[in-house]
C-alpha atoms as a PDB file:
ATOM      1  CA  MET A   1     115.062-173.828  56.668  1.00  0.00           C
ATOM      2  CA  LEU A   2     115.777-176.500  54.047  1.00  0.00           C
ATOM      3  CA  PHE A   3     116.923-175.875  50.478  1.00  0.00           C
ATOM      4  CA  ASP A   4     114.062-177.920  48.978  1.00  0.00           C
ATOM      5  CA  GLU A   5     111.569-175.891  51.009  1.00  0.00           C
ATOM      6  CA  VAL A   6     113.007-172.627  49.728  1.00  0.00           C
ATOM      7  CA  LEU A   7     112.790-173.827  46.126  1.00  0.00           C
ATOM      8  CA  THR A   8     109.028-174.319  46.403  1.00  0.00           C
ATOM      9  CA  ARG A   9     108.650-170.561  46.971  1.00  0.00           C
ATOM     10  CA  PHE A  10     110.050-169.632  43.554  1.00  0.00           C
ATOM     11  CA  PRO A  11     109.476-168.021  41.199  1.00  0.00           C
ATOM     12  CA  LYS A  12     107.849-165.347  43.335  1.00  0.00           C
ATOM     13  CA  GLN A  13     105.381-162.619  42.429  1.00  0.00           C
ATOM     14  CA  ARG A  14     105.865-159.042  43.556  1.00  0.00           C
ATOM     15  CA  ARG A  15     103.179-157.391  45.613  1.00  0.00           C
ATOM     16  CA  PRO A  16     101.543-154.660  43.512  1.00  0.00           C
ATOM     17  CA  LEU A  17     102.296-151.060  44.356  1.00  0.00           C
ATOM     18  CA  PRO A  18      99.533-148.657  45.341  1.00  0.00           C
ATOM     19  CA  ASP A  19      98.781-146.099  42.609  1.00  0.00           C
ATOM     20  CA  ALA A  20     100.482-143.231  44.459  1.00  0.00           C
ATOM     21  CA  HIS A  21     103.711-145.218  44.823  1.00  0.00           C
ATOM     22  CA  ARG A  22     103.624-146.515  41.248  1.00  0.00           C
ATOM     23  CA  GLN A  23     103.304-143.014  39.790  1.00  0.00           C
ATOM     24  CA  ARG A  24     106.583-141.925  41.365  1.00  0.00           C
ATOM     25  CA  TYR A  25     108.385-145.277  41.265  1.00  0.00           C
ATOM     26  CA  LEU A  26     111.221-144.302  38.906  1.00  0.00           C
ATOM     27  CA  THR A  27     111.879-141.072  40.820  1.00  0.00           C
ATOM     28  CA  ASP A  28     111.982-142.959  44.130  1.00  0.00           C
ATOM     29  CA  TYR A  29     114.265-145.630  42.691  1.00  0.00           C
ATOM     30  CA  LEU A  30     116.797-143.143  41.361  1.00  0.00           C
ATOM     31  CA  GLU A  31     116.723-141.091  44.568  1.00  0.00           C
ATOM     32  CA  ASN A  32     117.250-144.241  46.612  1.00  0.00           C
ATOM     33  CA  ARG A  33     120.422-145.056  44.689  1.00  0.00           C
ATOM     34  CA  SER A  34     121.941-141.603  44.385  1.00  0.00           C
ATOM     35  CA  GLY A  35     119.825-138.955  46.095  1.00  0.00           C
ATOM     36  CA  LYS A  36     120.760-136.916  49.134  1.00  0.00           C
ATOM     37  CA  ALA A  37     117.997-138.577  51.145  1.00  0.00           C
ATOM     38  CA  SER A  38     119.926-141.859  51.080  1.00  0.00           C
ATOM     39  CA  ALA A  39     123.371-140.459  51.995  1.00  0.00           C
ATOM     40  CA  ALA A  40     123.399-142.042  55.466  1.00  0.00           C
ATOM     41  CA  ALA A  41     122.263-145.403  54.092  1.00  0.00           C
ATOM     42  CA  ARG A  42     124.974-145.315  51.426  1.00  0.00           C
ATOM     43  CA  ARG A  43     127.626-144.730  54.092  1.00  0.00           C
ATOM     44  CA  LEU A  44     126.443-147.860  55.883  1.00  0.00           C
ATOM     45  CA  GLU A  45     126.221-149.822  52.616  1.00  0.00           C
ATOM     46  CA  ALA A  46     129.902-149.049  52.017  1.00  0.00           C
ATOM     47  CA  TRP A  47     130.678-151.897  54.441  1.00  0.00           C
ATOM     48  CA  MET A  48     129.055-154.365  52.037  1.00  0.00           C
ATOM     49  CA  HIS A  49     130.924-152.949  49.061  1.00  0.00           C
ATOM     50  CA  ARG A  50     134.282-153.219  50.843  1.00  0.00           C
ATOM     51  CA  GLN A  51     133.673-156.786  52.008  1.00  0.00           C
ATOM     52  CA  VAL A  52     132.533-157.952  48.586  1.00  0.00           C
ATOM     53  CA  ALA A  53     135.469-156.257  46.850  1.00  0.00           C
ATOM     54  CA  LEU A  54     137.888-158.160  49.092  1.00  0.00           C
ATOM     55  CA  ALA A  55     136.299-161.578  48.561  1.00  0.00           C
ATOM     56  CA  GLY A  56     138.006-164.138  46.339  1.00  0.00           C
ATOM     57  CA  ARG A  57     140.858-163.915  43.884  1.00  0.00           C
ATOM     58  CA  GLY A  58     141.257-163.164  40.216  1.00  0.00           C
ATOM     59  CA  ASN A  59     140.523-160.231  37.941  1.00  0.00           C
ATOM     60  CA  ARG A  60     137.668-161.438  35.716  1.00  0.00           C
ATOM     61  CA  VAL A  61     134.526-160.057  37.365  1.00  0.00           C
ATOM     62  CA  LEU A  62     130.791-160.246  36.716  1.00  0.00           C
ATOM     63  CA  GLU A  63     128.484-158.044  38.789  1.00  0.00           C
ATOM     64  CA  ILE A  64     124.825-159.002  39.106  1.00  0.00           C
ATOM     65  CA  GLY A  65     122.490-156.019  39.387  1.00  0.00           C
ATOM     66  CA  ALA A  66     125.110-153.327  38.929  1.00  0.00           C
ATOM     67  CA  GLY A  67     122.635-150.430  39.180  1.00  0.00           C
ATOM     68  CA  THR A  68     124.424-147.093  38.866  1.00  0.00           C
ATOM     69  CA  LEU A  69     127.803-148.901  38.692  1.00  0.00           C
ATOM     70  CA  ASN A  70     128.678-147.506  42.127  1.00  0.00           C
ATOM     71  CA  HIS A  71     130.492-150.690  43.187  1.00  0.00           C
ATOM     72  CA  LEU A  72     133.245-150.048  40.653  1.00  0.00           C
ATOM     73  CA  ALA A  73     134.696-147.383  42.960  1.00  0.00           C
ATOM     74  CA  TYR A  74     135.593-150.178  45.408  1.00  0.00           C
ATOM     75  CA  GLU A  75     137.259-152.446  42.854  1.00  0.00           C
ATOM     76  CA  ARG A  76     141.008-152.243  42.313  1.00  0.00           C
ATOM     77  CA  ARG A  77     141.851-155.603  40.802  1.00  0.00           C
ATOM     78  CA  HIS A  78     139.779-156.282  37.717  1.00  0.00           C
ATOM     79  CA  ARG A  79     140.946-156.830  34.158  1.00  0.00           C
ATOM     80  CA  VAL A  80     137.517-157.811  32.826  1.00  0.00           C
ATOM     81  CA  TYR A  81     134.381-156.277  34.332  1.00  0.00           C
ATOM     82  CA  ASP A  82     131.001-157.329  32.955  1.00  0.00           C
ATOM     83  CA  VAL A  83     127.655-156.413  34.505  1.00  0.00           C
ATOM     84  CA  VAL A  84     124.052-157.582  34.460  1.00  0.00           C
ATOM     85  CA  GLU A  85     121.607-154.683  34.831  1.00  0.00           C
ATOM     86  CA  PRO A  86     118.204-154.517  33.066  1.00  0.00           C
ATOM     87  CA  PHE A  87     117.361-151.016  34.352  1.00  0.00           C
ATOM     88  CA  ARG A  88     119.034-148.917  31.643  1.00  0.00           C
ATOM     89  CA  GLU A  89     118.103-145.618  33.282  1.00  0.00           C
ATOM     90  CA  LEU A  90     120.476-146.420  36.132  1.00  0.00           C
ATOM     91  CA  TRP A  91     123.669-146.807  34.115  1.00  0.00           C
ATOM     92  CA  THR A  92     123.128-144.920  30.845  1.00  0.00           C
ATOM     93  CA  GLY A  93     125.628-142.082  30.543  1.00  0.00           C
ATOM     94  CA  ARG A  94     127.526-142.998  33.709  1.00  0.00           C
ATOM     95  CA  PRO A  95     131.285-142.285  33.516  1.00  0.00           C
ATOM     96  CA  GLU A  96     131.943-145.681  35.142  1.00  0.00           C
ATOM     97  CA  LEU A  97     130.888-147.334  31.877  1.00  0.00           C
ATOM     98  CA  ALA A  98     134.425-146.730  30.646  1.00  0.00           C
ATOM     99  CA  GLY A  99     135.534-149.516  33.006  1.00  0.00           C
ATOM    100  CA  VAL A 100     132.858-151.996  31.881  1.00  0.00           C
ATOM    101  CA  ARG A 101     133.370-154.478  29.035  1.00  0.00           C
ATOM    102  CA  ASN A 102     129.781-155.713  28.569  1.00  0.00           C
ATOM    103  CA  VAL A 103     126.363-154.798  29.963  1.00  0.00           C
ATOM    104  CA  TYR A 104     123.749-157.578  29.848  1.00  0.00           C
ATOM    105  CA  ALA A 105     120.044-157.056  30.447  1.00  0.00           C
ATOM    106  CA  ASP A 106     119.638-160.596  31.805  1.00  0.00           C
ATOM    107  CA  ILE A 107     122.001-163.222  33.175  1.00  0.00           C
ATOM    108  CA  ARG A 108     120.635-165.582  30.513  1.00  0.00           C
ATOM    109  CA  LEU A 109     122.429-163.411  27.940  1.00  0.00           C
ATOM    110  CA  VAL A 110     125.889-163.891  29.485  1.00  0.00           C
ATOM    111  CA  PRO A 111     127.656-166.427  27.230  1.00  0.00           C
ATOM    112  CA  LEU A 112     128.399-169.711  28.969  1.00  0.00           C
ATOM    113  CA  SER A 113     131.805-169.599  27.298  1.00  0.00           C
ATOM    114  CA  HIS A 114     132.730-166.762  29.669  1.00  0.00           C
ATOM    115  CA  ALA A 115     134.405-167.866  32.884  1.00  0.00           C
ATOM    116  CA  TYR A 116     134.712-165.468  35.811  1.00  0.00           C
ATOM    117  CA  ASP A 117     136.985-165.549  38.833  1.00  0.00           C
ATOM    118  CA  ARG A 118     134.553-163.510  40.900  1.00  0.00           C
ATOM    119  CA  ILE A 119     130.808-163.000  40.608  1.00  0.00           C
ATOM    120  CA  LEU A 120     129.367-160.454  42.979  1.00  0.00           C
ATOM    121  CA  SER A 121     126.283-158.493  43.917  1.00  0.00           C
ATOM    122  CA  VAL A 122     125.488-155.779  46.448  1.00  0.00           C
ATOM    123  CA  ALA A 123     121.910-155.163  47.678  1.00  0.00           C
ATOM    124  CA  VAL A 124     120.435-157.185  44.813  1.00  0.00           C
ATOM    125  CA  LEU A 125     119.510-160.747  45.820  1.00  0.00           C
ATOM    126  CA  GLU A 126     116.648-159.594  48.046  1.00  0.00           C
ATOM    127  CA  HIS A 127     114.938-158.254  44.890  1.00  0.00           C
ATOM    128  CA  LEU A 128     115.133-161.365  42.688  1.00  0.00           C
ATOM    129  CA  THR A 129     111.931-163.271  41.979  1.00  0.00           C
ATOM    130  CA  GLU A 130     114.012-166.038  40.331  1.00  0.00           C
ATOM    131  CA  LEU A 131     116.678-166.223  43.023  1.00  0.00           C
ATOM    132  CA  PRO A 132     117.645-169.946  42.758  1.00  0.00           C
ATOM    133  CA  PHE A 133     117.947-169.669  38.972  1.00  0.00           C
ATOM    134  CA  VAL A 134     120.218-166.605  39.146  1.00  0.00           C
ATOM    135  CA  LEU A 135     122.414-168.188  41.831  1.00  0.00           C
ATOM    136  CA  ALA A 136     122.698-171.430  39.873  1.00  0.00           C
ATOM    137  CA  ARG A 137     123.506-169.629  36.626  1.00  0.00           C
ATOM    138  CA  SER A 138     126.151-167.583  38.452  1.00  0.00           C
ATOM    139  CA  ALA A 139     127.746-170.743  39.804  1.00  0.00           C
ATOM    140  CA  VAL A 140     127.956-172.244  36.320  1.00  0.00           C
ATOM    141  CA  LEU A 141     129.696-169.080  35.068  1.00  0.00           C
ATOM    142  CA  LEU A 142     132.419-169.312  37.730  1.00  0.00           C
ATOM    143  CA  ASP A 143     135.794-170.665  36.707  1.00  0.00           C
ATOM    144  CA  ASN A 144     137.528-173.333  38.788  1.00  0.00           C
ATOM    145  CA  GLY A 145     138.292-171.884  42.211  1.00  0.00           C
ATOM    146  CA  GLY A 146     135.994-168.924  41.578  1.00  0.00           C
ATOM    147  CA  THR A 147     134.071-167.070  44.283  1.00  0.00           C
ATOM    148  CA  PHE A 148     130.529-165.786  44.554  1.00  0.00           C
ATOM    149  CA  ALA A 149     130.109-162.880  46.990  1.00  0.00           C
ATOM    150  CA  ALA A 150     126.880-161.093  47.879  1.00  0.00           C
ATOM    151  CA  GLY A 151     126.045-158.226  50.195  1.00  0.00           C
ATOM    152  CA  ILE A 152     122.416-158.203  51.314  1.00  0.00           C
ATOM    153  CA  PRO A 153     120.288-156.407  53.888  1.00  0.00           C
ATOM    154  CA  SER A 154     119.558-158.589  56.916  1.00  0.00           C
ATOM    155  CA  GLU A 155     115.925-158.748  55.844  1.00  0.00           C
ATOM    156  CA  GLY A 156     113.942-160.329  58.664  1.00  0.00           C
ATOM    157  CA  ALA A 157     116.259-159.061  61.420  1.00  0.00           C
ATOM    158  CA  LEU A 158     114.987-156.702  64.101  1.00  0.00           C
ATOM    159  CA  ALA A 159     117.822-154.193  63.567  1.00  0.00           C
ATOM    160  CA  TRP A 160     117.142-154.065  59.822  1.00  0.00           C
ATOM    161  CA  TYR A 161     113.426-153.475  60.394  1.00  0.00           C
ATOM    162  CA  ILE A 162     114.104-150.622  62.810  1.00  0.00           C
ATOM    163  CA  GLY A 163     116.666-149.194  60.407  1.00  0.00           C
ATOM    164  CA  TRP A 164     114.381-148.906  57.388  1.00  0.00           C
ATOM    165  CA  LYS A 165     111.240-148.134  59.387  1.00  0.00           C
ATOM    166  CA  TYR A 166     112.715-145.116  61.142  1.00  0.00           C
ATOM    167  CA  GLY A 167     115.959-144.388  59.299  1.00  0.00           C
ATOM    168  CA  THR A 168     114.565-144.414  55.747  1.00  0.00           C
ATOM    169  CA  GLY A 169     110.821-144.569  56.232  1.00  0.00           C
ATOM    170  CA  VAL A 170     110.448-141.337  58.200  1.00  0.00           C
ATOM    171  CA  PRO A 171     112.350-139.101  55.698  1.00  0.00           C
ATOM    172  CA  TYR A 172     110.440-140.801  52.856  1.00  0.00           C
ATOM    173  CA  ARG A 173     107.098-139.922  54.462  1.00  0.00           C
ATOM    174  CA  VAL A 174     108.222-136.336  55.087  1.00  0.00           C
ATOM    175  CA  ARG A 175     109.381-136.012  51.477  1.00  0.00           C
ATOM    176  CA  THR A 176     106.442-137.735  49.755  1.00  0.00           C
ATOM    177  CA  GLY A 177     103.619-138.013  52.278  1.00  0.00           C
ATOM    178  CA  LEU A 178     103.539-141.773  51.625  1.00  0.00           C
ATOM    179  CA  ASP A 179     104.160-144.848  53.760  1.00  0.00           C
ATOM    180  CA  TYR A 180     107.484-146.539  52.911  1.00  0.00           C
ATOM    181  CA  ALA A 181     106.284-150.051  53.818  1.00  0.00           C
ATOM    182  CA  PRO A 182     104.412-150.816  50.537  1.00  0.00           C
ATOM    183  CA  LEU A 183     107.541-149.931  48.567  1.00  0.00           C
ATOM    184  CA  MET A 184     109.676-152.217  50.757  1.00  0.00           C
ATOM    185  CA  ARG A 185     107.217-155.104  50.420  1.00  0.00           C
ATOM    186  CA  HIS A 186     107.213-154.641  46.643  1.00  0.00           C
ATOM    187  CA  GLU A 187     111.004-154.496  46.328  1.00  0.00           C
ATOM    188  CA  HIS A 188     112.286-156.957  48.945  1.00  0.00           C
ATOM    189  CA  VAL A 189     110.742-160.278  47.982  1.00  0.00           C
ATOM    190  CA  ASN A 190     113.397-162.454  49.692  1.00  0.00           C
ATOM    191  CA  THR A 191     114.521-162.634  53.309  1.00  0.00           C
ATOM    192  CA  ALA A 192     118.138-163.026  54.359  1.00  0.00           C
ATOM    193  CA  GLU A 193     117.330-166.525  55.614  1.00  0.00           C
ATOM    194  CA  GLU A 194     115.971-167.570  52.209  1.00  0.00           C
ATOM    195  CA  ILE A 195     118.986-166.132  50.412  1.00  0.00           C
ATOM    196  CA  GLU A 196     121.503-167.793  52.722  1.00  0.00           C
ATOM    197  CA  CYS A 197     119.677-171.114  52.467  1.00  0.00           C
ATOM    198  CA  ALA A 198     119.577-170.968  48.664  1.00  0.00           C
ATOM    199  CA  ILE A 199     123.306-170.190  48.461  1.00  0.00           C
ATOM    200  CA  GLY A 200     124.084-172.966  50.953  1.00  0.00           C
ATOM    201  CA  GLY A 201     122.150-175.461  48.855  1.00  0.00           C
ATOM    202  CA  LEU A 202     124.208-174.726  45.733  1.00  0.00           C
ATOM    203  CA  PHE A 203     127.712-174.120  47.108  1.00  0.00           C
ATOM    204  CA  GLY A 204     129.884-176.395  49.224  1.00  0.00           C
ATOM    205  CA  ASP A 205     131.791-173.668  51.063  1.00  0.00           C
ATOM    206  CA  VAL A 206     129.794-170.737  52.466  1.00  0.00           C
ATOM    207  CA  ARG A 207     130.955-168.041  54.924  1.00  0.00           C
ATOM    208  CA  THR A 208     128.700-165.377  56.412  1.00  0.00           C
ATOM    209  CA  THR A 209     129.654-162.056  58.047  1.00  0.00           C
ATOM    210  CA  ARG A 210     127.242-159.564  59.616  1.00  0.00           C
ATOM    211  CA  PHE A 211     127.340-155.826  60.409  1.00  0.00           C
ATOM    212  CA  PRO A 212     127.486-154.065  62.789  1.00  0.00           C
ATOM    213  CA  LEU A 213     127.241-157.023  65.209  1.00  0.00           C
ATOM    214  CA  PRO A 214     127.662-160.743  64.425  1.00  0.00           C
ATOM    215  CA  TRP A 215     124.191-161.785  65.624  1.00  0.00           C
ATOM    216  CA  PHE A 216     121.458-161.886  63.006  1.00  0.00           C
ATOM    217  CA  HIS A 217     118.861-159.743  64.784  1.00  0.00           C
ATOM    218  CA  ALA A 218     121.538-157.198  65.733  1.00  0.00           C
ATOM    219  CA  SER A 219     122.685-156.815  62.131  1.00  0.00           C
ATOM    220  CA  VAL A 220     121.539-154.567  59.317  1.00  0.00           C
ATOM    221  CA  TYR A 221     123.727-156.042  56.575  1.00  0.00           C
ATOM    222  CA  THR A 222     125.104-159.486  55.762  1.00  0.00           C
ATOM    223  CA  VAL A 223     127.827-160.591  53.365  1.00  0.00           C
ATOM    224  CA  VAL A 224     127.848-164.159  52.069  1.00  0.00           C
ATOM    225  CA  VAL A 225     130.953-165.541  50.342  1.00  0.00           C
ATOM    226  CA  ALA A 226     130.590-168.897  48.590  1.00  0.00           C
ATOM    227  CA  SER A 227     132.769-171.241  46.553  1.00  0.00           C
ATOM    228  CA  ARG A 228     132.949-174.883  45.405  1.00  0.00           C
ATOM    229  CA  PRO A 229     129.539-175.017  43.695  1.00  0.00           C
ATOM    230  CA  ASP A 230     127.768-178.327  43.105  1.00  0.00           C
ATOM    231  CA  LEU A 231     127.858-177.954  39.327  1.00  0.00           C
ATOM    232  CA  ALA A 232     125.512-180.856  38.572  1.00  0.00           C
ATOM    233  CA  ARG A 233     122.851-179.367  40.837  1.00  0.00           C
ATOM    234  CA  CYS A 234     123.529-175.845  39.586  1.00  0.00           C
ATOM    235  CA  ARG A 235     123.167-176.822  35.946  1.00  0.00           C
ATOM    236  CA  ARG A 236     119.835-178.431  36.764  1.00  0.00           C
ATOM    237  CA  TYR A 237     118.456-175.336  38.476  1.00  0.00           C
ATOM    238  CA  ALA A 238     119.984-173.081  35.814  1.00  0.00           C
ATOM    239  CA  GLU A 239     117.914-174.985  33.224  1.00  0.00           C
ATOM    240  CA  LEU A 240     121.011-176.215  31.430  1.00  0.00           C
ATOM    241  CA  PRO A 241     121.633-179.711  30.024  1.00  0.00           C
ATOM    242  CA  SER A 242     124.394-181.800  31.540  1.00  0.00           C
ATOM    243  CA  PRO A 243     127.649-181.169  29.678  1.00  0.00           C
ATOM    244  CA  HIS A 244     129.106-183.938  27.540  1.00  0.00           C
ATOM    245  CA  SER A 245     132.626-182.843  28.461  1.00  0.00           C
ATOM    246  CA  PRO A 246     134.081-182.455  31.966  1.00  0.00           C
ATOM    247  CA  SER A 247     132.976-179.328  33.822  1.00  0.00           C
ATOM    248  CA  ARG A 248     135.371-176.438  34.233  1.00  0.00           C
END
């Protein structure tokens, strides 16, 4: 898959939810992030959190799609921790807010004067309808030598499909009487291949690790660590004018 081909697919439109799913959407979303029904999935997701927390150097951190702020439990080396999370219901009142400097509803609101050593996300990029824009904007916000690290489901892999179909989908049907597939199609708008291709088109150094086995179709999660962004290209896709002074 080529970078230019991926770009033609964005921005994407979400598939609409059936009425029954839409009526309980907020409840399902909150249960998915913190409910007992997702305990096994969260144990597996811990691999992504650990890998992302170890990636790169420096203590100025921006997290994209911070959700319930659960990644903070894996971080031990931040001095500045800013987050982007538009879904206020997920983080309002959370005790982890004490460790957060700023919460932004959109990455467009993060001042370009801020420079981060590490920009990270866990189980977020598969949801983004403006994926190339968010990746490009993240790259521009990185300081020299900074690292972008993302944990994503191996969307499109056989193991991932089996995992959500029978590992999450069956308990969801028992609990709600509804098919889990429409919710997945609504939420996961990007495949792992699209995400990896988009990152590879914006960054010069990209490393990929998969879990539990290194082959794509035998994996359920993937971590991508990227550095050395092409800043001229990133500024273009981030809808920013070329700087008059040298880039950071």
